[in-house]
Amino acid sequence: MGKVIAVTNQKGGVGKTTTSVNLAAALAVAEQKVLVVDIDPQGNATMGLGYDKKVQETTVYQVLTGEVSPASATLGPIDEAKNGPDLIPSNSNLSGAEIELVDQENRDRRLRRALVEAQESYDYILIDCPPSLNLLTVNALVAAHSALIPIQCEYYALEGLSQLMEVIQRIRRKANPELRVEGLLLTMYDSRNNLANQVSEEVRSHFGRKVYETTIPRNVRLGEAPSFGMPVIYYDALCRGSASYLDLAQELMGCGVPA
């Protein structure tokens, strides 16, 4: 049975999609069978894995509305020569899903039900969430075994994090008792920057062993790779960004962090 992880933080620009795409690729390189579910209407994870979001006719939208099964919406690695992750794509059509689902029964459990069968085929399923605590994010958290929370090393790093933790606790009580925090991931880290070091110390002091030892550095190659439609490990396997996500994959596959 595969592990379902929601990569989430309602704060934008913290590295959710970068983490979803590159962690998935790093896990795949480690010979894990991985599926990325892009549940953000912006479709950035879809593009980051090499697919044109604008031409996708079957997406996670149809999965949520029950029109198709996850298997019918799944795309394989765009480069079959690479052992990359599979993808359920997204595009702007997903923006209408919340409106369509609002009056539906069990609207917050649509993704959970859909992914039950998919878990038999994958070791890891990573859900790339939108930068908000909306119905799509709630669907992801109800479907997930755990939440991986990227945190940018900047002044407002902890802003809104307490709200996300409250949402996770509420979902644990009402809809998904097994949901836990997989780990907090410090992103865009620059050890030469005093503020980044202060934020890192504050986060580690507050959350302890829930924070991954691996940090994701500011790295030019990480920023360049999406424009070529590929994870950084395929773009430049020797850069610091690739090394960091490979380290994170190993940490995730190990004992992880305590609940």
C-alpha atoms as a PDB file:
ATOM      1  CA  MET A   1       0.000   0.000   0.000  1.00  0.00           C
ATOM      2  CA  GLY A   2       1.500   3.297  -1.112  1.00  0.00           C
ATOM      3  CA  LYS A   3       2.041   6.264   1.174  1.00  0.00           C
ATOM      4  CA  VAL A   4       0.064   9.402   0.283  1.00  0.00           C
ATOM      5  CA  ILE A   5       1.754  12.697   1.167  1.00  0.00           C
ATOM      6  CA  ALA A   6       0.177  16.136   0.707  1.00  0.00           C
ATOM      7  CA  VAL A   7       2.799  18.798   0.018  1.00  0.00           C
ATOM      8  CA  THR A   8       1.067  21.840   1.433  1.00  0.00           C
ATOM      9  CA  ASN A   9       1.374  25.356   2.807  1.00  0.00           C
ATOM     10  CA  GLN A  10      -1.226  28.030   2.152  1.00  0.00           C
ATOM     11  CA  LYS A  11       1.596  30.531   1.773  1.00  0.00           C
ATOM     12  CA  GLY A  12       2.663  30.958  -1.854  1.00  0.00           C
ATOM     13  CA  GLY A  13       6.226  30.851  -3.123  1.00  0.00           C
ATOM     14  CA  VAL A  14       7.613  28.523  -0.464  1.00  0.00           C
ATOM     15  CA  GLY A  15       8.631  25.672  -2.764  1.00  0.00           C
ATOM     16  CA  LYS A  16       5.626  23.323  -2.758  1.00  0.00           C
ATOM     17  CA  THR A  17       5.719  22.501  -6.449  1.00  0.00           C
ATOM     18  CA  THR A  18       9.516  22.482  -6.545  1.00  0.00           C
ATOM     19  CA  THR A  19       9.445  19.957  -3.710  1.00  0.00           C
ATOM     20  CA  SER A  20       6.640  17.838  -5.186  1.00  0.00           C
ATOM     21  CA  VAL A  21       8.353  17.520  -8.564  1.00  0.00           C
ATOM     22  CA  ASN A  22      11.931  17.085  -7.383  1.00  0.00           C
ATOM     23  CA  LEU A  23      11.228  14.839  -4.418  1.00  0.00           C
ATOM     24  CA  ALA A  24       9.115  12.638  -6.697  1.00  0.00           C
ATOM     25  CA  ALA A  25      11.960  12.410  -9.199  1.00  0.00           C
ATOM     26  CA  ALA A  26      14.494  11.661  -6.453  1.00  0.00           C
ATOM     27  CA  LEU A  27      12.286   8.880  -5.084  1.00  0.00           C
ATOM     28  CA  ALA A  28      11.893   7.473  -8.592  1.00  0.00           C
ATOM     29  CA  VAL A  29      15.671   7.479  -9.059  1.00  0.00           C
ATOM     30  CA  ALA A  30      15.809   5.474  -5.834  1.00  0.00           C
ATOM     31  CA  GLU A  31      13.655   2.864  -7.614  1.00  0.00           C
ATOM     32  CA  GLN A  32      10.411   3.790  -5.923  1.00  0.00           C
ATOM     33  CA  LYS A  33       7.194   3.813  -7.918  1.00  0.00           C
ATOM     34  CA  VAL A  34       5.866   7.374  -7.586  1.00  0.00           C
ATOM     35  CA  LEU A  35       2.738   9.251  -8.653  1.00  0.00           C
ATOM     36  CA  VAL A  36       2.408  13.051  -8.542  1.00  0.00           C
ATOM     37  CA  VAL A  37      -1.146  14.363  -8.252  1.00  0.00           C
ATOM     38  CA  ASP A  38      -1.323  17.990  -9.342  1.00  0.00           C
ATOM     39  CA  ILE A  39      -4.317  19.456  -7.527  1.00  0.00           C
ATOM     40  CA  ASP A  40      -3.369  23.103  -8.101  1.00  0.00           C
ATOM     41  CA  PRO A  41      -5.330  24.840 -10.922  1.00  0.00           C
ATOM     42  CA  GLN A  42      -2.117  26.642 -11.869  1.00  0.00           C
ATOM     43  CA  GLY A  43      -0.800  23.307 -13.131  1.00  0.00           C
ATOM     44  CA  ASN A  44       2.823  24.074 -12.326  1.00  0.00           C
ATOM     45  CA  ALA A  45       3.690  20.505 -11.335  1.00  0.00           C
ATOM     46  CA  THR A  46       2.244  19.350 -14.645  1.00  0.00           C
ATOM     47  CA  MET A  47       4.548  21.708 -16.529  1.00  0.00           C
ATOM     48  CA  GLY A  48       7.475  20.896 -14.244  1.00  0.00           C
ATOM     49  CA  LEU A  49       7.218  17.267 -15.326  1.00  0.00           C
ATOM     50  CA  GLY A  50       7.287  18.242 -18.983  1.00  0.00           C
ATOM     51  CA  TYR A  51       3.627  18.302 -19.986  1.00  0.00           C
ATOM     52  CA  ASP A  52       1.727  21.165 -21.599  1.00  0.00           C
ATOM     53  CA  LYS A  53      -1.119  21.820 -19.183  1.00  0.00           C
ATOM     54  CA  LYS A  54      -3.186  23.634 -21.821  1.00  0.00           C
ATOM     55  CA  VAL A  55      -3.661  20.564 -24.006  1.00  0.00           C
ATOM     56  CA  GLN A  56      -4.608  18.127 -21.258  1.00  0.00           C
ATOM     57  CA  GLU A  57      -8.213  17.016 -21.729  1.00  0.00           C
ATOM     58  CA  THR A  58      -8.280  14.445 -18.929  1.00  0.00           C
ATOM     59  CA  THR A  59      -7.031  15.796 -15.609  1.00  0.00           C
ATOM     60  CA  VAL A  60      -7.536  15.569 -11.864  1.00  0.00           C
ATOM     61  CA  TYR A  61     -10.703  17.613 -12.450  1.00  0.00           C
ATOM     62  CA  GLN A  62     -12.428  14.613 -14.039  1.00  0.00           C
ATOM     63  CA  VAL A  63     -11.070  12.394 -11.264  1.00  0.00           C
ATOM     64  CA  LEU A  64     -12.629  14.605  -8.573  1.00  0.00           C
ATOM     65  CA  THR A  65     -15.988  14.781 -10.355  1.00  0.00           C
ATOM     66  CA  GLY A  66     -16.014  11.019 -10.805  1.00  0.00           C
ATOM     67  CA  GLU A  67     -15.968  11.076 -14.605  1.00  0.00           C
ATOM     68  CA  VAL A  68     -12.807   8.974 -14.880  1.00  0.00           C
ATOM     69  CA  SER A  69     -10.645   6.761 -12.706  1.00  0.00           C
ATOM     70  CA  PRO A  70      -7.184   7.896 -11.612  1.00  0.00           C
ATOM     71  CA  ALA A  71      -5.655   5.285 -13.916  1.00  0.00           C
ATOM     72  CA  SER A  72      -7.455   6.809 -16.906  1.00  0.00           C
ATOM     73  CA  ALA A  73      -6.044  10.253 -16.073  1.00  0.00           C
ATOM     74  CA  THR A  74      -2.479   9.140 -15.342  1.00  0.00           C
ATOM     75  CA  LEU A  75       0.395  10.074 -17.635  1.00  0.00           C
ATOM     76  CA  GLY A  76       3.692   8.224 -17.617  1.00  0.00           C
ATOM     77  CA  PRO A  77       7.130   9.889 -17.570  1.00  0.00           C
ATOM     78  CA  ILE A  78       7.443  12.137 -20.592  1.00  0.00           C
ATOM     79  CA  ASP A  79      10.912  10.690 -21.196  1.00  0.00           C
ATOM     80  CA  GLU A  80      10.462   6.932 -21.096  1.00  0.00           C
ATOM     81  CA  ALA A  81      14.216   6.440 -20.930  1.00  0.00           C
ATOM     82  CA  LYS A  82      14.209   7.964 -17.451  1.00  0.00           C
ATOM     83  CA  ASN A  83      12.711   6.232 -14.458  1.00  0.00           C
ATOM     84  CA  GLY A  84      10.559   9.249 -13.596  1.00  0.00           C
ATOM     85  CA  PRO A  85       7.303   9.645 -11.692  1.00  0.00           C
ATOM     86  CA  ASP A  86       3.833   9.256 -13.166  1.00  0.00           C
ATOM     87  CA  LEU A  87       1.466  12.232 -13.143  1.00  0.00           C
ATOM     88  CA  ILE A  88      -2.211  13.060 -12.843  1.00  0.00           C
ATOM     89  CA  PRO A  89      -2.173  16.514 -14.477  1.00  0.00           C
ATOM     90  CA  SER A  90      -4.058  19.704 -13.744  1.00  0.00           C
ATOM     91  CA  ASN A  91      -4.980  22.915 -15.505  1.00  0.00           C
ATOM     92  CA  SER A  92      -7.266  25.924 -15.067  1.00  0.00           C
ATOM     93  CA  ASN A  93     -10.389  23.776 -15.517  1.00  0.00           C
ATOM     94  CA  LEU A  94      -9.844  22.643 -11.934  1.00  0.00           C
ATOM     95  CA  SER A  95     -10.844  26.110 -10.725  1.00  0.00           C
ATOM     96  CA  GLY A  96     -14.489  25.190 -11.274  1.00  0.00           C
ATOM     97  CA  ALA A  97     -14.291  22.008  -9.212  1.00  0.00           C
ATOM     98  CA  GLU A  98     -14.968  23.735  -5.902  1.00  0.00           C
ATOM     99  CA  ILE A  99     -18.166  25.257  -7.234  1.00  0.00           C
ATOM    100  CA  GLU A 100     -19.335  21.956  -8.704  1.00  0.00           C
ATOM    101  CA  LEU A 101     -18.500  19.971  -5.576  1.00  0.00           C
ATOM    102  CA  VAL A 102     -19.877  22.369  -2.971  1.00  0.00           C
ATOM    103  CA  ASP A 103     -23.330  20.763  -2.943  1.00  0.00           C
ATOM    104  CA  GLN A 104     -22.093  17.217  -3.409  1.00  0.00           C
ATOM    105  CA  GLU A 105     -22.215  14.580  -0.692  1.00  0.00           C
ATOM    106  CA  ASN A 106     -18.825  13.827   0.882  1.00  0.00           C
ATOM    107  CA  ARG A 107     -17.265  16.564  -1.225  1.00  0.00           C
ATOM    108  CA  ASP A 108     -14.119  16.561   0.937  1.00  0.00           C
ATOM    109  CA  ARG A 109     -13.538  12.824   0.385  1.00  0.00           C
ATOM    110  CA  ARG A 110     -13.566  12.717  -3.409  1.00  0.00           C
ATOM    111  CA  LEU A 111      -9.801  12.451  -3.804  1.00  0.00           C
ATOM    112  CA  ARG A 112      -9.457   9.964  -0.949  1.00  0.00           C
ATOM    113  CA  ARG A 113     -11.915   7.581  -2.581  1.00  0.00           C
ATOM    114  CA  ALA A 114     -10.285   7.980  -5.970  1.00  0.00           C
ATOM    115  CA  LEU A 115      -6.768   7.217  -4.715  1.00  0.00           C
ATOM    116  CA  VAL A 116      -7.614   4.011  -2.829  1.00  0.00           C
ATOM    117  CA  GLU A 117      -7.033   1.860  -5.894  1.00  0.00           C
ATOM    118  CA  ALA A 118      -3.990   3.872  -7.011  1.00  0.00           C
ATOM    119  CA  GLN A 119      -2.228   3.168  -3.720  1.00  0.00           C
ATOM    120  CA  GLU A 120      -1.899  -0.468  -4.760  1.00  0.00           C
ATOM    121  CA  SER A 121       0.313   0.535  -7.697  1.00  0.00           C
ATOM    122  CA  TYR A 122       2.665   3.060  -6.085  1.00  0.00           C
ATOM    123  CA  ASP A 123       5.131   3.313  -3.215  1.00  0.00           C
ATOM    124  CA  TYR A 124       4.526   7.063  -2.860  1.00  0.00           C
ATOM    125  CA  ILE A 125       1.797   9.418  -4.030  1.00  0.00           C
ATOM    126  CA  LEU A 126       2.696  13.107  -3.682  1.00  0.00           C
ATOM    127  CA  ILE A 127      -0.140  15.640  -3.911  1.00  0.00           C
ATOM    128  CA  ASP A 128       0.915  19.143  -4.960  1.00  0.00           C
ATOM    129  CA  CYS A 129      -1.564  21.459  -3.217  1.00  0.00           C
ATOM    130  CA  PRO A 130      -2.663  24.998  -4.130  1.00  0.00           C
ATOM    131  CA  PRO A 131      -1.473  27.963  -2.027  1.00  0.00           C
ATOM    132  CA  SER A 132      -4.701  28.198  -0.032  1.00  0.00           C
ATOM    133  CA  LEU A 133      -6.749  26.253   2.507  1.00  0.00           C
ATOM    134  CA  ASN A 134      -9.651  25.636   0.134  1.00  0.00           C
ATOM    135  CA  LEU A 135     -11.721  22.548  -0.705  1.00  0.00           C
ATOM    136  CA  LEU A 136      -8.982  21.217  -2.981  1.00  0.00           C
ATOM    137  CA  THR A 137      -6.415  21.349  -0.167  1.00  0.00           C
ATOM    138  CA  VAL A 138      -8.906  19.786   2.242  1.00  0.00           C
ATOM    139  CA  ASN A 139      -9.454  16.953  -0.266  1.00  0.00           C
ATOM    140  CA  ALA A 140      -5.697  16.422  -0.382  1.00  0.00           C
ATOM    141  CA  LEU A 141      -5.364  16.341   3.424  1.00  0.00           C
ATOM    142  CA  VAL A 142      -8.322  13.985   3.819  1.00  0.00           C
ATOM    143  CA  ALA A 143      -6.740  11.681   1.211  1.00  0.00           C
ATOM    144  CA  ALA A 144      -3.230  11.814   2.678  1.00  0.00           C
ATOM    145  CA  HIS A 145      -1.477   9.793   5.323  1.00  0.00           C
ATOM    146  CA  SER A 146       0.690  12.801   6.103  1.00  0.00           C
ATOM    147  CA  ALA A 147       1.499  16.419   5.237  1.00  0.00           C
ATOM    148  CA  LEU A 148       4.916  17.651   4.164  1.00  0.00           C
ATOM    149  CA  ILE A 149       5.185  21.392   4.789  1.00  0.00           C
ATOM    150  CA  PRO A 150       7.811  23.459   2.945  1.00  0.00           C
ATOM    151  CA  ILE A 151       8.835  26.642   4.789  1.00  0.00           C
ATOM    152  CA  GLN A 152      10.818  29.382   3.101  1.00  0.00           C
ATOM    153  CA  CYS A 153      13.668  30.783   5.169  1.00  0.00           C
ATOM    154  CA  GLU A 154      12.379  34.343   5.282  1.00  0.00           C
ATOM    155  CA  TYR A 155      10.946  36.818   7.775  1.00  0.00           C
ATOM    156  CA  TYR A 156       7.311  35.701   7.473  1.00  0.00           C
ATOM    157  CA  ALA A 157       8.175  31.992   7.464  1.00  0.00           C
ATOM    158  CA  LEU A 158       5.907  31.039  10.363  1.00  0.00           C
ATOM    159  CA  GLU A 159       3.030  33.290   9.355  1.00  0.00           C
ATOM    160  CA  GLY A 160      -0.075  31.195   8.776  1.00  0.00           C
ATOM    161  CA  LEU A 161       1.603  27.995   9.898  1.00  0.00           C
ATOM    162  CA  SER A 162      -0.460  27.816  13.079  1.00  0.00           C
ATOM    163  CA  GLN A 163      -3.619  28.041  10.977  1.00  0.00           C
ATOM    164  CA  LEU A 164      -2.447  25.130   8.822  1.00  0.00           C
ATOM    165  CA  MET A 165      -1.677  23.084  11.932  1.00  0.00           C
ATOM    166  CA  GLU A 166      -5.173  23.816  13.235  1.00  0.00           C
ATOM    167  CA  VAL A 167      -6.686  22.642   9.942  1.00  0.00           C
ATOM    168  CA  ILE A 168      -4.643  19.444  10.109  1.00  0.00           C
ATOM    169  CA  GLN A 169      -5.833  18.811  13.672  1.00  0.00           C
ATOM    170  CA  ARG A 170      -9.447  19.466  12.658  1.00  0.00           C
ATOM    171  CA  ILE A 171      -9.203  17.035   9.761  1.00  0.00           C
ATOM    172  CA  ARG A 172      -7.668  14.441  12.088  1.00  0.00           C
ATOM    173  CA  ARG A 173     -10.641  14.768  14.416  1.00  0.00           C
ATOM    174  CA  LYS A 174     -13.398  14.794  11.827  1.00  0.00           C
ATOM    175  CA  ALA A 175     -12.317  13.083   8.616  1.00  0.00           C
ATOM    176  CA  ASN A 176      -8.870  11.468   8.657  1.00  0.00           C
ATOM    177  CA  PRO A 177      -7.627  10.223  12.035  1.00  0.00           C
ATOM    178  CA  GLU A 178      -4.358   8.877  10.578  1.00  0.00           C
ATOM    179  CA  LEU A 179      -3.235  12.227   9.164  1.00  0.00           C
ATOM    180  CA  ARG A 180       0.021  13.463  10.670  1.00  0.00           C
ATOM    181  CA  VAL A 181       2.777  15.916   9.901  1.00  0.00           C
ATOM    182  CA  GLU A 182       5.356  14.075   7.809  1.00  0.00           C
ATOM    183  CA  GLY A 183       7.871  16.858   8.300  1.00  0.00           C
ATOM    184  CA  LEU A 184       8.698  20.525   7.867  1.00  0.00           C
ATOM    185  CA  LEU A 185      11.173  21.311   5.100  1.00  0.00           C
ATOM    186  CA  LEU A 186      13.295  24.448   5.125  1.00  0.00           C
ATOM    187  CA  THR A 187      13.592  25.788   1.571  1.00  0.00           C
ATOM    188  CA  MET A 188      15.531  28.570  -0.191  1.00  0.00           C
ATOM    189  CA  TYR A 189      18.139  28.325   2.543  1.00  0.00           C
ATOM    190  CA  ASP A 190      21.367  30.328   2.325  1.00  0.00           C
ATOM    191  CA  SER A 191      23.758  29.630   5.184  1.00  0.00           C
ATOM    192  CA  ARG A 192      25.551  32.945   4.507  1.00  0.00           C
ATOM    193  CA  ASN A 193      22.365  34.845   5.312  1.00  0.00           C
ATOM    194  CA  ASN A 194      21.873  35.719   8.990  1.00  0.00           C
ATOM    195  CA  LEU A 195      18.091  35.879   8.615  1.00  0.00           C
ATOM    196  CA  ALA A 196      17.966  32.418   7.049  1.00  0.00           C
ATOM    197  CA  ASN A 197      19.981  31.040   9.962  1.00  0.00           C
ATOM    198  CA  GLN A 198      17.726  32.768  12.483  1.00  0.00           C
ATOM    199  CA  VAL A 199      14.592  31.383  10.809  1.00  0.00           C
ATOM    200  CA  SER A 200      16.116  27.904  10.719  1.00  0.00           C
ATOM    201  CA  GLU A 201      16.948  28.070  14.430  1.00  0.00           C
ATOM    202  CA  GLU A 202      13.474  29.354  15.282  1.00  0.00           C
ATOM    203  CA  VAL A 203      11.686  26.653  13.292  1.00  0.00           C
ATOM    204  CA  ARG A 204      13.869  23.893  14.716  1.00  0.00           C
ATOM    205  CA  SER A 205      13.455  25.256  18.229  1.00  0.00           C
ATOM    206  CA  HIS A 206       9.677  25.358  17.890  1.00  0.00           C
ATOM    207  CA  PHE A 207       9.054  22.099  16.014  1.00  0.00           C
ATOM    208  CA  GLY A 208      12.062  20.030  17.053  1.00  0.00           C
ATOM    209  CA  ARG A 209      12.468  16.685  15.305  1.00  0.00           C
ATOM    210  CA  LYS A 210       9.523  17.354  13.017  1.00  0.00           C
ATOM    211  CA  VAL A 211      11.917  19.474  10.926  1.00  0.00           C
ATOM    212  CA  TYR A 212      13.914  17.576   8.311  1.00  0.00           C
ATOM    213  CA  GLU A 213      17.678  17.580   8.674  1.00  0.00           C
ATOM    214  CA  THR A 214      17.864  18.190   4.917  1.00  0.00           C
ATOM    215  CA  THR A 215      17.501  21.800   3.829  1.00  0.00           C
ATOM    216  CA  ILE A 216      16.883  22.963   0.259  1.00  0.00           C
ATOM    217  CA  PRO A 217      19.328  25.690  -0.778  1.00  0.00           C
ATOM    218  CA  ARG A 218      18.835  28.654  -3.025  1.00  0.00           C
ATOM    219  CA  ASN A 219      20.120  27.204  -6.272  1.00  0.00           C
ATOM    220  CA  VAL A 220      20.129  28.596  -9.798  1.00  0.00           C
ATOM    221  CA  ARG A 221      19.663  25.160 -11.363  1.00  0.00           C
ATOM    222  CA  LEU A 222      16.544  24.546  -9.276  1.00  0.00           C
ATOM    223  CA  GLY A 223      15.079  27.737 -10.718  1.00  0.00           C
ATOM    224  CA  GLU A 224      16.085  26.915 -14.280  1.00  0.00           C
ATOM    225  CA  ALA A 225      14.883  23.310 -14.478  1.00  0.00           C
ATOM    226  CA  PRO A 226      11.098  24.027 -14.708  1.00  0.00           C
ATOM    227  CA  SER A 227      11.587  26.118 -17.849  1.00  0.00           C
ATOM    228  CA  PHE A 228      12.977  22.971 -19.483  1.00  0.00           C
ATOM    229  CA  GLY A 229      10.055  20.882 -18.218  1.00  0.00           C
ATOM    230  CA  MET A 230      12.113  18.550 -16.086  1.00  0.00           C
ATOM    231  CA  PRO A 231      13.070  17.911 -12.468  1.00  0.00           C
ATOM    232  CA  VAL A 232      16.460  19.297 -11.513  1.00  0.00           C
ATOM    233  CA  ILE A 233      17.996  15.842 -11.154  1.00  0.00           C
ATOM    234  CA  TYR A 234      17.515  15.314 -14.905  1.00  0.00           C
ATOM    235  CA  TYR A 235      18.625  18.855 -15.737  1.00  0.00           C
ATOM    236  CA  ASP A 236      21.798  18.887 -13.649  1.00  0.00           C
ATOM    237  CA  ALA A 237      22.338  15.820 -11.515  1.00  0.00           C
ATOM    238  CA  LEU A 238      25.463  17.253  -9.881  1.00  0.00           C
ATOM    239  CA  CYS A 239      24.088  20.574  -8.625  1.00  0.00           C
ATOM    240  CA  ARG A 240      23.349  21.325  -4.964  1.00  0.00           C
ATOM    241  CA  GLY A 241      19.603  21.294  -5.599  1.00  0.00           C
ATOM    242  CA  SER A 242      19.742  17.732  -6.944  1.00  0.00           C
ATOM    243  CA  ALA A 243      21.898  16.583  -4.047  1.00  0.00           C
ATOM    244  CA  SER A 244      19.502  18.094  -1.518  1.00  0.00           C
ATOM    245  CA  TYR A 245      16.403  16.408  -2.943  1.00  0.00           C
ATOM    246  CA  LEU A 246      18.241  13.091  -3.151  1.00  0.00           C
ATOM    247  CA  ASP A 247      19.116  13.540   0.540  1.00  0.00           C
ATOM    248  CA  LEU A 248      15.486  14.383   1.326  1.00  0.00           C
ATOM    249  CA  ALA A 249      14.300  11.258  -0.487  1.00  0.00           C
ATOM    250  CA  GLN A 250      16.654   9.124   1.578  1.00  0.00           C
ATOM    251  CA  GLU A 251      15.480  10.822   4.768  1.00  0.00           C
ATOM    252  CA  LEU A 252      11.855  10.272   3.795  1.00  0.00           C
ATOM    253  CA  MET A 253      12.424   6.600   3.008  1.00  0.00           C
ATOM    254  CA  GLY A 254      14.213   6.131   6.310  1.00  0.00           C
ATOM    255  CA  CYS A 255      12.681   6.564   9.708  1.00  0.00           C
ATOM    256  CA  GLY A 256      11.332  10.003   8.795  1.00  0.00           C
ATOM    257  CA  VAL A 257      10.373  12.335  11.613  1.00  0.00           C
ATOM    258  CA  PRO A 258       8.291  11.543  14.687  1.00  0.00           C
ATOM    259  CA  ALA A 259       4.561  12.135  14.647  1.00  0.00           C
END
